Amino acid sequence: MSAPLYQLKAEFFKTLGHPVRIRVLELLSEREHAVSEMLPEVGVEPSHLSQQLAVLRRANLVTTRREGSAVYYALANPNVAELLKVARTILSGLLTGQAELLADLRAAEPNSAARRRGMS
């Protein structure tokens, strides 16, 4: 019996649940990159990047090709780039809502402080 779809989705999102892997996928959403090009952009040790790329390979989210001594990575499916765009849109909305809430809270602070002073 195969795993239920919700369980497979959870595993998929777990794979995406690391900042280095997200950054790599963002870079690959733009174009194919050699590992050496990604290192300064991601800002981790080569061994750590290699580990994270292996996770993405095992999940079939990226493909590789070798050119001489360089290994190039690309997205296996362009829908991954779309998923990252949707995530950005969702987060922008959430952060905008939080910023508005914070502004409302800050605007209410002087009133509540004045009320407390008047009650004393």
PDB file of N, CA and C in Angstrom:
ATOM      1  N   MET A   1       0.845  -1.182   0.000  1.00  0.00           N
ATOM      2  CA  MET A   1       0.000   0.000   0.000  1.00  0.00           C
ATOM      3  C   MET A   1       0.890   1.245   0.000  1.00  0.00           C
ATOM      4  N   SER A   2       0.580   2.203  -0.847  1.00  0.00           N
ATOM      5  CA  SER A   2       1.391   3.410  -0.929  1.00  0.00           C
ATOM      6  C   SER A   2       1.000   4.404   0.157  1.00  0.00           C
ATOM      7  N   ALA A   3       1.913   5.313   0.423  1.00  0.00           N
ATOM      8  CA  ALA A   3       1.677   6.328   1.457  1.00  0.00           C
ATOM      9  C   ALA A   3       0.573   7.277   0.982  1.00  0.00           C
ATOM     10  N   PRO A   4      -0.251   7.767   1.924  1.00  0.00           N
ATOM     11  CA  PRO A   4      -1.278   8.734   1.543  1.00  0.00           C
ATOM     12  C   PRO A   4      -0.637  10.019   1.018  1.00  0.00           C
ATOM     13  N   LEU A   5      -1.371  10.703   0.164  1.00  0.00           N
ATOM     14  CA  LEU A   5      -0.864  11.916  -0.460  1.00  0.00           C
ATOM     15  C   LEU A   5      -0.446  12.950   0.573  1.00  0.00           C
ATOM     16  N   TYR A   6      -1.205  13.115   1.648  1.00  0.00           N
ATOM     17  CA  TYR A   6      -0.851  14.112   2.663  1.00  0.00           C
ATOM     18  C   TYR A   6       0.492  13.784   3.308  1.00  0.00           C
ATOM     19  N   GLN A   7       0.805  12.509   3.443  1.00  0.00           N
ATOM     20  CA  GLN A   7       2.088  12.114   4.019  1.00  0.00           C
ATOM     21  C   GLN A   7       3.228  12.430   3.040  1.00  0.00           C
ATOM     22  N   LEU A   8       3.014  12.177   1.764  1.00  0.00           N
ATOM     23  CA  LEU A   8       4.018  12.509   0.754  1.00  0.00           C
ATOM     24  C   LEU A   8       4.245  14.016   0.683  1.00  0.00           C
ATOM     25  N   LYS A   9       3.161  14.783   0.805  1.00  0.00           N
ATOM     26  CA  LYS A   9       3.292  16.245   0.814  1.00  0.00           C
ATOM     27  C   LYS A   9       4.110  16.696   2.018  1.00  0.00           C
ATOM     28  N   ALA A  10       3.863  16.092   3.172  1.00  0.00           N
ATOM     29  CA  ALA A  10       4.612  16.454   4.380  1.00  0.00           C
ATOM     30  C   ALA A  10       6.102  16.176   4.181  1.00  0.00           C
ATOM     31  N   GLU A  11       6.434  15.049   3.593  1.00  0.00           N
ATOM     32  CA  GLU A  11       7.833  14.723   3.323  1.00  0.00           C
ATOM     33  C   GLU A  11       8.448  15.718   2.342  1.00  0.00           C
ATOM     34  N   PHE A  12       7.674  16.106   1.338  1.00  0.00           N
ATOM     35  CA  PHE A  12       8.137  17.087   0.366  1.00  0.00           C
ATOM     36  C   PHE A  12       8.462  18.404   1.061  1.00  0.00           C
ATOM     37  N   PHE A  13       7.554  18.872   1.925  1.00  0.00           N
ATOM     38  CA  PHE A  13       7.789  20.138   2.611  1.00  0.00           C
ATOM     39  C   PHE A  13       8.921  20.029   3.627  1.00  0.00           C
ATOM     40  N   LYS A  14       9.131  18.857   4.200  1.00  0.00           N
ATOM     41  CA  LYS A  14      10.290  18.666   5.076  1.00  0.00           C
ATOM     42  C   LYS A  14      11.579  18.862   4.283  1.00  0.00           C
ATOM     43  N   THR A  15      11.593  18.355   3.063  1.00  0.00           N
ATOM     44  CA  THR A  15      12.772  18.523   2.206  1.00  0.00           C
ATOM     45  C   THR A  15      13.049  19.999   1.967  1.00  0.00           C
ATOM     46  N   LEU A  16      12.009  20.794   1.839  1.00  0.00           N
ATOM     47  CA  LEU A  16      12.167  22.230   1.615  1.00  0.00           C
ATOM     48  C   LEU A  16      12.483  22.979   2.909  1.00  0.00           C
ATOM     49  N   GLY A  17      12.435  22.303   4.034  1.00  0.00           N
ATOM     50  CA  GLY A  17      12.531  22.940   5.334  1.00  0.00           C
ATOM     51  C   GLY A  17      13.935  23.271   5.815  1.00  0.00           C
ATOM     52  N   HIS A  18      14.805  23.702   4.931  1.00  0.00           N
ATOM     53  CA  HIS A  18      16.149  24.100   5.336  1.00  0.00           C
ATOM     54  C   HIS A  18      16.532  25.356   4.550  1.00  0.00           C
ATOM     55  N   PRO A  19      17.032  26.389   5.229  1.00  0.00           N
ATOM     56  CA  PRO A  19      17.345  27.647   4.531  1.00  0.00           C
ATOM     57  C   PRO A  19      18.333  27.504   3.380  1.00  0.00           C
ATOM     58  N   VAL A  20      19.322  26.640   3.513  1.00  0.00           N
ATOM     59  CA  VAL A  20      20.294  26.470   2.430  1.00  0.00           C
ATOM     60  C   VAL A  20      19.617  25.858   1.214  1.00  0.00           C
ATOM     61  N   ARG A  21      18.757  24.879   1.438  1.00  0.00           N
ATOM     62  CA  ARG A  21      18.071  24.249   0.308  1.00  0.00           C
ATOM     63  C   ARG A  21      17.146  25.243  -0.386  1.00  0.00           C
ATOM     64  N   ILE A  22      16.465  26.066   0.390  1.00  0.00           N
ATOM     65  CA  ILE A  22      15.597  27.092  -0.212  1.00  0.00           C
ATOM     66  C   ILE A  22      16.437  28.062  -1.031  1.00  0.00           C
ATOM     67  N   ARG A  23      17.560  28.508  -0.494  1.00  0.00           N
ATOM     68  CA  ARG A  23      18.416  29.458  -1.216  1.00  0.00           C
ATOM     69  C   ARG A  23      18.922  28.846  -2.514  1.00  0.00           C
ATOM     70  N   VAL A  24      19.327  27.582  -2.463  1.00  0.00           N
ATOM     71  CA  VAL A  24      19.789  26.893  -3.674  1.00  0.00           C
ATOM     72  C   VAL A  24      18.668  26.860  -4.713  1.00  0.00           C
ATOM     73  N   LEU A  25      17.473  26.502  -4.287  1.00  0.00           N
ATOM     74  CA  LEU A  25      16.352  26.436  -5.222  1.00  0.00           C
ATOM     75  C   LEU A  25      16.006  27.806  -5.796  1.00  0.00           C
ATOM     76  N   GLU A  26      16.152  28.850  -4.971  1.00  0.00           N
ATOM     77  CA  GLU A  26      15.942  30.211  -5.483  1.00  0.00           C
ATOM     78  C   GLU A  26      16.956  30.536  -6.577  1.00  0.00           C
ATOM     79  N   LEU A  27      18.213  30.210  -6.330  1.00  0.00           N
ATOM     80  CA  LEU A  27      19.252  30.455  -7.334  1.00  0.00           C
ATOM     81  C   LEU A  27      18.969  29.680  -8.616  1.00  0.00           C
ATOM     82  N   LEU A  28      18.566  28.432  -8.458  1.00  0.00           N
ATOM     83  CA  LEU A  28      18.309  27.595  -9.627  1.00  0.00           C
ATOM     84  C   LEU A  28      17.027  27.999 -10.343  1.00  0.00           C
ATOM     85  N   SER A  29      16.168  28.751  -9.665  1.00  0.00           N
ATOM     86  CA  SER A  29      14.963  29.268 -10.317  1.00  0.00           C
ATOM     87  C   SER A  29      15.329  30.301 -11.372  1.00  0.00           C
ATOM     88  N   GLU A  30      16.474  30.951 -11.175  1.00  0.00           N
ATOM     89  CA  GLU A  30      16.947  31.954 -12.130  1.00  0.00           C
ATOM     90  C   GLU A  30      17.587  31.303 -13.348  1.00  0.00           C
ATOM     91  N   ARG A  31      18.453  30.306 -13.080  1.00  0.00           N
ATOM     92  CA  ARG A  31      19.182  29.615 -14.147  1.00  0.00           C
ATOM     93  C   ARG A  31      19.986  28.483 -13.536  1.00  0.00           C
ATOM     94  N   GLU A  32      20.564  27.676 -14.407  1.00  0.00           N
ATOM     95  CA  GLU A  32      21.478  26.615 -13.989  1.00  0.00           C
ATOM     96  C   GLU A  32      22.710  27.250 -13.335  1.00  0.00           C
ATOM     97  N   HIS A  33      23.242  26.594 -12.288  1.00  0.00           N
ATOM     98  CA  HIS A  33      24.444  27.102 -11.608  1.00  0.00           C
ATOM     99  C   HIS A  33      25.433  25.970 -11.374  1.00  0.00           C
ATOM    100  N   ALA A  34      26.709  26.319 -11.488  1.00  0.00           N
ATOM    101  CA  ALA A  34      27.769  25.395 -11.056  1.00  0.00           C
ATOM    102  C   ALA A  34      27.865  25.498  -9.539  1.00  0.00           C
ATOM    103  N   VAL A  35      28.328  24.448  -8.922  1.00  0.00           N
ATOM    104  CA  VAL A  35      28.497  24.450  -7.464  1.00  0.00           C
ATOM    105  C   VAL A  35      29.378  25.623  -7.045  1.00  0.00           C
ATOM    106  N   SER A  36      30.442  25.864  -7.788  1.00  0.00           N
ATOM    107  CA  SER A  36      31.362  26.955  -7.436  1.00  0.00           C
ATOM    108  C   SER A  36      30.675  28.319  -7.492  1.00  0.00           C
ATOM    109  N   GLU A  37      29.671  28.474  -8.339  1.00  0.00           N
ATOM    110  CA  GLU A  37      28.915  29.732  -8.408  1.00  0.00           C
ATOM    111  C   GLU A  37      27.977  29.890  -7.208  1.00  0.00           C
ATOM    112  N   MET A  38      27.477  28.767  -6.732  1.00  0.00           N
ATOM    113  CA  MET A  38      26.517  28.817  -5.624  1.00  0.00           C
ATOM    114  C   MET A  38      27.180  29.095  -4.284  1.00  0.00           C
ATOM    115  N   LEU A  39      28.403  28.635  -4.106  1.00  0.00           N
ATOM    116  CA  LEU A  39      29.065  28.764  -2.798  1.00  0.00           C
ATOM    117  C   LEU A  39      29.043  30.181  -2.238  1.00  0.00           C
ATOM    118  N   PRO A  40      29.498  31.203  -2.975  1.00  0.00           N
ATOM    119  CA  PRO A  40      29.474  32.555  -2.388  1.00  0.00           C
ATOM    120  C   PRO A  40      28.059  33.077  -2.167  1.00  0.00           C
ATOM    121  N   GLU A  41      27.114  32.632  -2.982  1.00  0.00           N
ATOM    122  CA  GLU A  41      25.729  33.087  -2.855  1.00  0.00           C
ATOM    123  C   GLU A  41      25.030  32.481  -1.637  1.00  0.00           C
ATOM    124  N   VAL A  42      25.399  31.248  -1.326  1.00  0.00           N
ATOM    125  CA  VAL A  42      24.751  30.536  -0.222  1.00  0.00           C
ATOM    126  C   VAL A  42      25.466  30.805   1.095  1.00  0.00           C
ATOM    127  N   GLY A  43      26.791  30.980   1.040  1.00  0.00           N
ATOM    128  CA  GLY A  43      27.542  31.349   2.229  1.00  0.00           C
ATOM    129  C   GLY A  43      27.743  30.256   3.256  1.00  0.00           C
ATOM    130  N   VAL A  44      27.924  29.023   2.781  1.00  0.00           N
ATOM    131  CA  VAL A  44      28.222  27.916   3.692  1.00  0.00           C
ATOM    132  C   VAL A  44      29.484  27.210   3.212  1.00  0.00           C
ATOM    133  N   GLU A  45      30.004  26.337   4.036  1.00  0.00           N
ATOM    134  CA  GLU A  45      31.176  25.547   3.675  1.00  0.00           C
ATOM    135  C   GLU A  45      30.826  24.609   2.514  1.00  0.00           C
ATOM    136  N   PRO A  46      31.796  24.305   1.665  1.00  0.00           N
ATOM    137  CA  PRO A  46      31.528  23.402   0.533  1.00  0.00           C
ATOM    138  C   PRO A  46      30.915  22.067   0.943  1.00  0.00           C
ATOM    139  N   SER A  47      31.377  21.499   2.047  1.00  0.00           N
ATOM    140  CA  SER A  47      30.839  20.202   2.475  1.00  0.00           C
ATOM    141  C   SER A  47      29.362  20.317   2.867  1.00  0.00           C
ATOM    142  N   HIS A  48      29.001  21.430   3.486  1.00  0.00           N
ATOM    143  CA  HIS A  48      27.600  21.634   3.883  1.00  0.00           C
ATOM    144  C   HIS A  48      26.715  21.811   2.646  1.00  0.00           C
ATOM    145  N   LEU A  49      27.192  22.584   1.676  1.00  0.00           N
ATOM    146  CA  LEU A  49      26.440  22.755   0.438  1.00  0.00           C
ATOM    147  C   LEU A  49      26.277  21.412  -0.259  1.00  0.00           C
ATOM    148  N   SER A  50      27.327  20.631  -0.283  1.00  0.00           N
ATOM    149  CA  SER A  50      27.281  19.314  -0.915  1.00  0.00           C
ATOM    150  C   SER A  50      26.219  18.428  -0.268  1.00  0.00           C
ATOM    151  N   GLN A  51      26.150  18.456   1.063  1.00  0.00           N
ATOM    152  CA  GLN A  51      25.130  17.671   1.779  1.00  0.00           C
ATOM    153  C   GLN A  51      23.723  18.113   1.390  1.00  0.00           C
ATOM    154  N   GLN A  52      23.509  19.418   1.324  1.00  0.00           N
ATOM    155  CA  GLN A  52      22.181  19.931   1.010  1.00  0.00           C
ATOM    156  C   GLN A  52      21.804  19.645  -0.446  1.00  0.00           C
ATOM    157  N   LEU A  53      22.781  19.718  -1.333  1.00  0.00           N
ATOM    158  CA  LEU A  53      22.521  19.371  -2.733  1.00  0.00           C
ATOM    159  C   LEU A  53      22.169  17.891  -2.866  1.00  0.00           C
ATOM    160  N   ALA A  54      22.795  17.049  -2.061  1.00  0.00           N
ATOM    161  CA  ALA A  54      22.485  15.617  -2.087  1.00  0.00           C
ATOM    162  C   ALA A  54      21.040  15.371  -1.661  1.00  0.00           C
ATOM    163  N   VAL A  55      20.573  16.099  -0.665  1.00  0.00           N
ATOM    164  CA  VAL A  55      19.172  15.971  -0.228  1.00  0.00           C
ATOM    165  C   VAL A  55      18.237  16.339  -1.378  1.00  0.00           C
ATOM    166  N   LEU A  56      18.553  17.442  -2.054  1.00  0.00           N
ATOM    167  CA  LEU A  56      17.719  17.879  -3.174  1.00  0.00           C
ATOM    168  C   LEU A  56      17.763  16.887  -4.337  1.00  0.00           C
ATOM    169  N   ARG A  57      18.918  16.282  -4.568  1.00  0.00           N
ATOM    170  CA  ARG A  57      19.034  15.260  -5.622  1.00  0.00           C
ATOM    171  C   ARG A  57      18.188  14.039  -5.278  1.00  0.00           C
ATOM    172  N   ARG A  58      18.304  13.564  -4.028  1.00  0.00           N
ATOM    173  CA  ARG A  58      17.538  12.381  -3.606  1.00  0.00           C
ATOM    174  C   ARG A  58      16.035  12.619  -3.717  1.00  0.00           C
ATOM    175  N   ALA A  59      15.617  13.859  -3.516  1.00  0.00           N
ATOM    176  CA  ALA A  59      14.194  14.204  -3.612  1.00  0.00           C
ATOM    177  C   ALA A  59      13.780  14.481  -5.066  1.00  0.00           C
ATOM    178  N   ASN A  60      14.722  14.350  -5.990  1.00  0.00           N
ATOM    179  CA  ASN A  60      14.466  14.597  -7.411  1.00  0.00           C
ATOM    180  C   ASN A  60      13.991  16.022  -7.695  1.00  0.00           C
ATOM    181  N   LEU A  61      14.471  16.971  -6.901  1.00  0.00           N
ATOM    182  CA  LEU A  61      14.128  18.376  -7.120  1.00  0.00           C
ATOM    183  C   LEU A  61      15.130  19.068  -8.025  1.00  0.00           C
ATOM    184  N   VAL A  62      16.329  18.501  -8.147  1.00  0.00           N
ATOM    185  CA  VAL A  62      17.360  19.075  -9.003  1.00  0.00           C
ATOM    186  C   VAL A  62      17.967  17.989  -9.882  1.00  0.00           C
ATOM    187  N   THR A  63      18.526  18.446 -10.980  1.00  0.00           N
ATOM    188  CA  THR A  63      19.272  17.550 -11.868  1.00  0.00           C
ATOM    189  C   THR A  63      20.700  18.063 -11.956  1.00  0.00           C
ATOM    190  N   THR A  64      21.595  17.195 -12.369  1.00  0.00           N
ATOM    191  CA  THR A  64      23.003  17.582 -12.495  1.00  0.00           C
ATOM    192  C   THR A  64      23.522  17.223 -13.872  1.00  0.00           C
ATOM    193  N   ARG A  65      24.553  17.946 -14.248  1.00  0.00           N
ATOM    194  CA  ARG A  65      25.325  17.592 -15.435  1.00  0.00           C
ATOM    195  C   ARG A  65      26.769  17.994 -15.165  1.00  0.00           C
ATOM    196  N   ARG A  66      27.675  17.239 -15.716  1.00  0.00           N
ATOM    197  CA  ARG A  66      29.101  17.501 -15.519  1.00  0.00           C
ATOM    198  C   ARG A  66      29.672  18.098 -16.798  1.00  0.00           C
ATOM    199  N   GLU A  67      30.465  19.148 -16.610  1.00  0.00           N
ATOM    200  CA  GLU A  67      31.181  19.763 -17.731  1.00  0.00           C
ATOM    201  C   GLU A  67      32.621  19.933 -17.267  1.00  0.00           C
ATOM    202  N   GLY A  68      33.487  19.059 -17.740  1.00  0.00           N
ATOM    203  CA  GLY A  68      34.861  19.049 -17.245  1.00  0.00           C
ATOM    204  C   GLY A  68      34.852  18.665 -15.775  1.00  0.00           C
ATOM    205  N   SER A  69      35.468  19.507 -14.951  1.00  0.00           N
ATOM    206  CA  SER A  69      35.482  19.212 -13.518  1.00  0.00           C
ATOM    207  C   SER A  69      34.331  19.897 -12.782  1.00  0.00           C
ATOM    208  N   ALA A  70      33.545  20.704 -13.499  1.00  0.00           N
ATOM    209  CA  ALA A  70      32.432  21.429 -12.866  1.00  0.00           C
ATOM    210  C   ALA A  70      31.151  20.610 -12.918  1.00  0.00           C
ATOM    211  N   VAL A  71      30.389  20.695 -11.828  1.00  0.00           N
ATOM    212  CA  VAL A  71      29.072  20.065 -11.773  1.00  0.00           C
ATOM    213  C   VAL A  71      28.038  21.183 -11.753  1.00  0.00           C
ATOM    214  N   TYR A  72      27.104  21.101 -12.696  1.00  0.00           N
ATOM    215  CA  TYR A  72      26.052  22.097 -12.817  1.00  0.00           C
ATOM    216  C   TYR A  72      24.737  21.525 -12.317  1.00  0.00           C
ATOM    217  N   TYR A  73      23.981  22.364 -11.615  1.00  0.00           N
ATOM    218  CA  TYR A  73      22.682  21.976 -11.092  1.00  0.00           C
ATOM    219  C   TYR A  73      21.599  22.807 -11.760  1.00  0.00           C
ATOM    220  N   ALA A  74      20.431  22.185 -11.934  1.00  0.00           N
ATOM    221  CA  ALA A  74      19.255  22.861 -12.476  1.00  0.00           C
ATOM    222  C   ALA A  74      18.026  22.304 -11.773  1.00  0.00           C
ATOM    223  N   LEU A  75      16.956  23.051 -11.821  1.00  0.00           N
ATOM    224  CA  LEU A  75      15.693  22.551 -11.275  1.00  0.00           C
ATOM    225  C   LEU A  75      15.211  21.395 -12.144  1.00  0.00           C
ATOM    226  N   ALA A  76      14.722  20.365 -11.503  1.00  0.00           N
ATOM    227  CA  ALA A  76      14.177  19.234 -12.239  1.00  0.00           C
ATOM    228  C   ALA A  76      12.790  19.555 -12.788  1.00  0.00           C
ATOM    229  N   ASN A  77      12.116  20.500 -12.139  1.00  0.00           N
ATOM    230  CA  ASN A  77      10.751  20.837 -12.521  1.00  0.00           C
ATOM    231  C   ASN A  77      10.551  22.340 -12.329  1.00  0.00           C
ATOM    232  N   PRO A  78      10.137  23.054 -13.356  1.00  0.00           N
ATOM    233  CA  PRO A  78       9.949  24.506 -13.230  1.00  0.00           C
ATOM    234  C   PRO A  78       8.859  24.895 -12.233  1.00  0.00           C
ATOM    235  N   ASN A  79       8.004  23.966 -11.872  1.00  0.00           N
ATOM    236  CA  ASN A  79       6.957  24.263 -10.889  1.00  0.00           C
ATOM    237  C   ASN A  79       7.544  24.585  -9.515  1.00  0.00           C
ATOM    238  N   VAL A  80       8.772  24.140  -9.256  1.00  0.00           N
ATOM    239  CA  VAL A  80       9.426  24.474  -7.985  1.00  0.00           C
ATOM    240  C   VAL A  80       9.633  25.988  -7.903  1.00  0.00           C
ATOM    241  N   ALA A  81      10.018  26.598  -9.013  1.00  0.00           N
ATOM    242  CA  ALA A  81      10.184  28.056  -9.042  1.00  0.00           C
ATOM    243  C   ALA A  81       8.844  28.738  -8.769  1.00  0.00           C
ATOM    244  N   GLU A  82       7.778  28.199  -9.324  1.00  0.00           N
ATOM    245  CA  GLU A  82       6.443  28.762  -9.079  1.00  0.00           C
ATOM    246  C   GLU A  82       6.050  28.623  -7.618  1.00  0.00           C
ATOM    247  N   LEU A  83       6.377  27.475  -7.019  1.00  0.00           N
ATOM    248  CA  LEU A  83       6.080  27.263  -5.602  1.00  0.00           C
ATOM    249  C   LEU A  83       6.793  28.297  -4.737  1.00  0.00           C
ATOM    250  N   LEU A  84       8.046  28.585  -5.053  1.00  0.00           N
ATOM    251  CA  LEU A  84       8.794  29.588  -4.295  1.00  0.00           C
ATOM    252  C   LEU A  84       8.185  30.976  -4.460  1.00  0.00           C
ATOM    253  N   LYS A  85       7.692  31.287  -5.664  1.00  0.00           N
ATOM    254  CA  LYS A  85       7.025  32.578  -5.890  1.00  0.00           C
ATOM    255  C   LYS A  85       5.741  32.674  -5.066  1.00  0.00           C
ATOM    256  N   VAL A  86       4.973  31.594  -5.036  1.00  0.00           N
ATOM    257  CA  VAL A  86       3.731  31.579  -4.254  1.00  0.00           C
ATOM    258  C   VAL A  86       4.057  31.745  -2.773  1.00  0.00           C
ATOM    259  N   ALA A  87       5.086  31.064  -2.296  1.00  0.00           N
ATOM    260  CA  ALA A  87       5.494  31.188  -0.892  1.00  0.00           C
ATOM    261  C   ALA A  87       5.864  32.629  -0.576  1.00  0.00           C
ATOM    262  N   ARG A  88       6.560  33.283  -1.490  1.00  0.00           N
ATOM    263  CA  ARG A  88       6.945  34.691  -1.287  1.00  0.00           C
ATOM    264  C   ARG A  88       5.706  35.575  -1.189  1.00  0.00           C
ATOM    265  N   THR A  89       4.727  35.327  -2.047  1.00  0.00           N
ATOM    266  CA  THR A  89       3.482  36.093  -2.024  1.00  0.00           C
ATOM    267  C   THR A  89       2.745  35.892  -0.708  1.00  0.00           C
ATOM    268  N   ILE A  90       2.662  34.654  -0.254  1.00  0.00           N
ATOM    269  CA  ILE A  90       1.991  34.351   1.013  1.00  0.00           C
ATOM    270  C   ILE A  90       2.705  35.051   2.162  1.00  0.00           C
ATOM    271  N   LEU A  91       4.030  34.932   2.199  1.00  0.00           N
ATOM    272  CA  LEU A  91       4.800  35.558   3.275  1.00  0.00           C
ATOM    273  C   LEU A  91       4.680  37.072   3.244  1.00  0.00           C
ATOM    274  N   SER A  92       4.677  37.658   2.062  1.00  0.00           N
ATOM    275  CA  SER A  92       4.517  39.112   1.949  1.00  0.00           C
ATOM    276  C   SER A  92       3.191  39.548   2.556  1.00  0.00           C
ATOM    277  N   GLY A  93       2.148  38.792   2.270  1.00  0.00           N
ATOM    278  CA  GLY A  93       0.839  39.100   2.836  1.00  0.00           C
ATOM    279  C   GLY A  93       0.819  38.970   4.343  1.00  0.00           C
ATOM    280  N   LEU A  94       1.433  37.916   4.836  1.00  0.00           N
ATOM    281  CA  LEU A  94       1.484  37.716   6.288  1.00  0.00           C
ATOM    282  C   LEU A  94       2.267  38.822   6.976  1.00  0.00           C
ATOM    283  N   LEU A  95       3.411  39.164   6.403  1.00  0.00           N
ATOM    284  CA  LEU A  95       4.248  40.203   7.006  1.00  0.00           C
ATOM    285  C   LEU A  95       3.580  41.567   6.927  1.00  0.00           C
ATOM    286  N   THR A  96       2.865  41.821   5.842  1.00  0.00           N
ATOM    287  CA  THR A  96       2.132  43.078   5.731  1.00  0.00           C
ATOM    288  C   THR A  96       1.071  43.148   6.821  1.00  0.00           C
ATOM    289  N   GLY A  97       0.356  42.042   7.012  1.00  0.00           N
ATOM    290  CA  GLY A  97      -0.653  41.986   8.067  1.00  0.00           C
ATOM    291  C   GLY A  97      -0.051  42.186   9.442  1.00  0.00           C
ATOM    292  N   GLN A  98       1.118  41.597   9.674  1.00  0.00           N
ATOM    293  CA  GLN A  98       1.793  41.751  10.962  1.00  0.00           C
ATOM    294  C   GLN A  98       2.282  43.174  11.150  1.00  0.00           C
ATOM    295  N   ALA A  99       2.764  43.792  10.080  1.00  0.00           N
ATOM    296  CA  ALA A  99       3.226  45.179  10.176  1.00  0.00           C
ATOM    297  C   ALA A  99       2.057  46.100  10.499  1.00  0.00           C
ATOM    298  N   GLU A 100       0.896  45.835   9.894  1.00  0.00           N
ATOM    299  CA  GLU A 100      -0.290  46.636  10.179  1.00  0.00           C
ATOM    300  C   GLU A 100      -0.725  46.448  11.628  1.00  0.00           C
ATOM    301  N   LEU A 101      -0.679  45.208  12.105  1.00  0.00           N
ATOM    302  CA  LEU A 101      -1.039  44.930  13.495  1.00  0.00           C
ATOM    303  C   LEU A 101      -0.080  45.632  14.443  1.00  0.00           C
ATOM    304  N   LEU A 102       1.202  45.579  14.150  1.00  0.00           N
ATOM    305  CA  LEU A 102       2.195  46.253  14.975  1.00  0.00           C
ATOM    306  C   LEU A 102       1.943  47.760  14.995  1.00  0.00           C
ATOM    307  N   ALA A 103       1.630  48.332  13.846  1.00  0.00           N
ATOM    308  CA  ALA A 103       1.337  49.770  13.779  1.00  0.00           C
ATOM    309  C   ALA A 103       0.104  50.099  14.626  1.00  0.00           C
ATOM    310  N   ASP A 104      -0.913  49.244  14.549  1.00  0.00           N
ATOM    311  CA  ASP A 104      -2.120  49.455  15.362  1.00  0.00           C
ATOM    312  C   ASP A 104      -1.790  49.386  16.852  1.00  0.00           C
ATOM    313  N   LEU A 105      -0.973  48.418  17.231  1.00  0.00           N
ATOM    314  CA  LEU A 105      -0.594  48.278  18.640  1.00  0.00           C
ATOM    315  C   LEU A 105       0.191  49.487  19.120  1.00  0.00           C
ATOM    316  N   ARG A 106       1.109  49.940  18.292  1.00  0.00           N
ATOM    317  CA  ARG A 106       1.904  51.113  18.667  1.00  0.00           C
ATOM    318  C   ARG A 106       1.033  52.362  18.753  1.00  0.00           C
ATOM    319  N   ALA A 107       0.074  52.484  17.861  1.00  0.00           N
ATOM    320  CA  ALA A 107      -0.818  53.638  17.880  1.00  0.00           C
ATOM    321  C   ALA A 107      -1.698  53.621  19.121  1.00  0.00           C
ATOM    322  N   ALA A 108      -2.027  52.446  19.616  1.00  0.00           N
ATOM    323  CA  ALA A 108      -2.892  52.326  20.788  1.00  0.00           C
ATOM    324  C   ALA A 108      -2.127  52.507  22.092  1.00  0.00           C
ATOM    325  N   GLU A 109      -0.807  52.362  22.072  1.00  0.00           N
ATOM    326  CA  GLU A 109      -0.010  52.450  23.305  1.00  0.00           C
ATOM    327  C   GLU A 109      -0.194  53.759  24.059  1.00  0.00           C
ATOM    328  N   PRO A 110      -0.061  54.921  23.442  1.00  0.00           N
ATOM    329  CA  PRO A 110      -0.203  56.174  24.212  1.00  0.00           C
ATOM    330  C   PRO A 110      -1.584  56.298  24.853  1.00  0.00           C
ATOM    331  N   ASN A 111      -2.617  55.853  24.158  1.00  0.00           N
ATOM    332  CA  ASN A 111      -3.967  55.924  24.714  1.00  0.00           C
ATOM    333  C   ASN A 111      -4.111  55.054  25.952  1.00  0.00           C
ATOM    334  N   SER A 112      -3.598  53.841  25.869  1.00  0.00           N
ATOM    335  CA  SER A 112      -3.724  52.951  27.017  1.00  0.00           C
ATOM    336  C   SER A 112      -2.854  53.438  28.169  1.00  0.00           C
ATOM    337  N   ALA A 113      -1.698  54.012  27.861  1.00  0.00           N
ATOM    338  CA  ALA A 113      -0.834  54.547  28.927  1.00  0.00           C
ATOM    339  C   ALA A 113      -1.513  55.754  29.578  1.00  0.00           C
ATOM    340  N   ALA A 114      -2.165  56.609  28.767  1.00  0.00           N
ATOM    341  CA  ALA A 114      -2.860  57.786  29.330  1.00  0.00           C
ATOM    342  C   ALA A 114      -4.037  57.340  30.193  1.00  0.00           C
ATOM    343  N   ARG A 115      -4.750  56.296  29.750  1.00  0.00           N
ATOM    344  CA  ARG A 115      -5.870  55.804  30.555  1.00  0.00           C
ATOM    345  C   ARG A 115      -5.376  55.258  31.890  1.00  0.00           C
ATOM    346  N   ARG A 116      -4.263  54.535  31.861  1.00  0.00           N
ATOM    347  CA  ARG A 116      -3.737  53.984  33.118  1.00  0.00           C
ATOM    348  C   ARG A 116      -3.338  55.111  34.053  1.00  0.00           C
ATOM    349  N   ARG A 117      -2.728  56.178  33.543  1.00  0.00           N
ATOM    350  CA  ARG A 117      -2.328  57.298  34.389  1.00  0.00           C
ATOM    351  C   ARG A 117      -3.556  57.993  34.980  1.00  0.00           C
ATOM    352  N   GLY A 118      -4.621  58.097  34.198  1.00  0.00           N
ATOM    353  CA  GLY A 118      -5.830  58.779  34.672  1.00  0.00           C
ATOM    354  C   GLY A 118      -6.541  57.991  35.753  1.00  0.00           C
ATOM    355  N   MET A 119      -6.362  56.693  35.775  1.00  0.00           N
ATOM    356  CA  MET A 119      -7.031  55.851  36.774  1.00  0.00           C
ATOM    357  C   MET A 119      -6.295  55.846  38.096  1.00  0.00           C
ATOM    358  N   SER A 120      -5.051  56.231  38.124  1.00  0.00           N
ATOM    359  CA  SER A 120      -4.290  56.147  39.361  1.00  0.00           C
ATOM    360  C   SER A 120      -4.603  57.253  40.307  1.00  0.00           C
TER     361      SER A 120
END
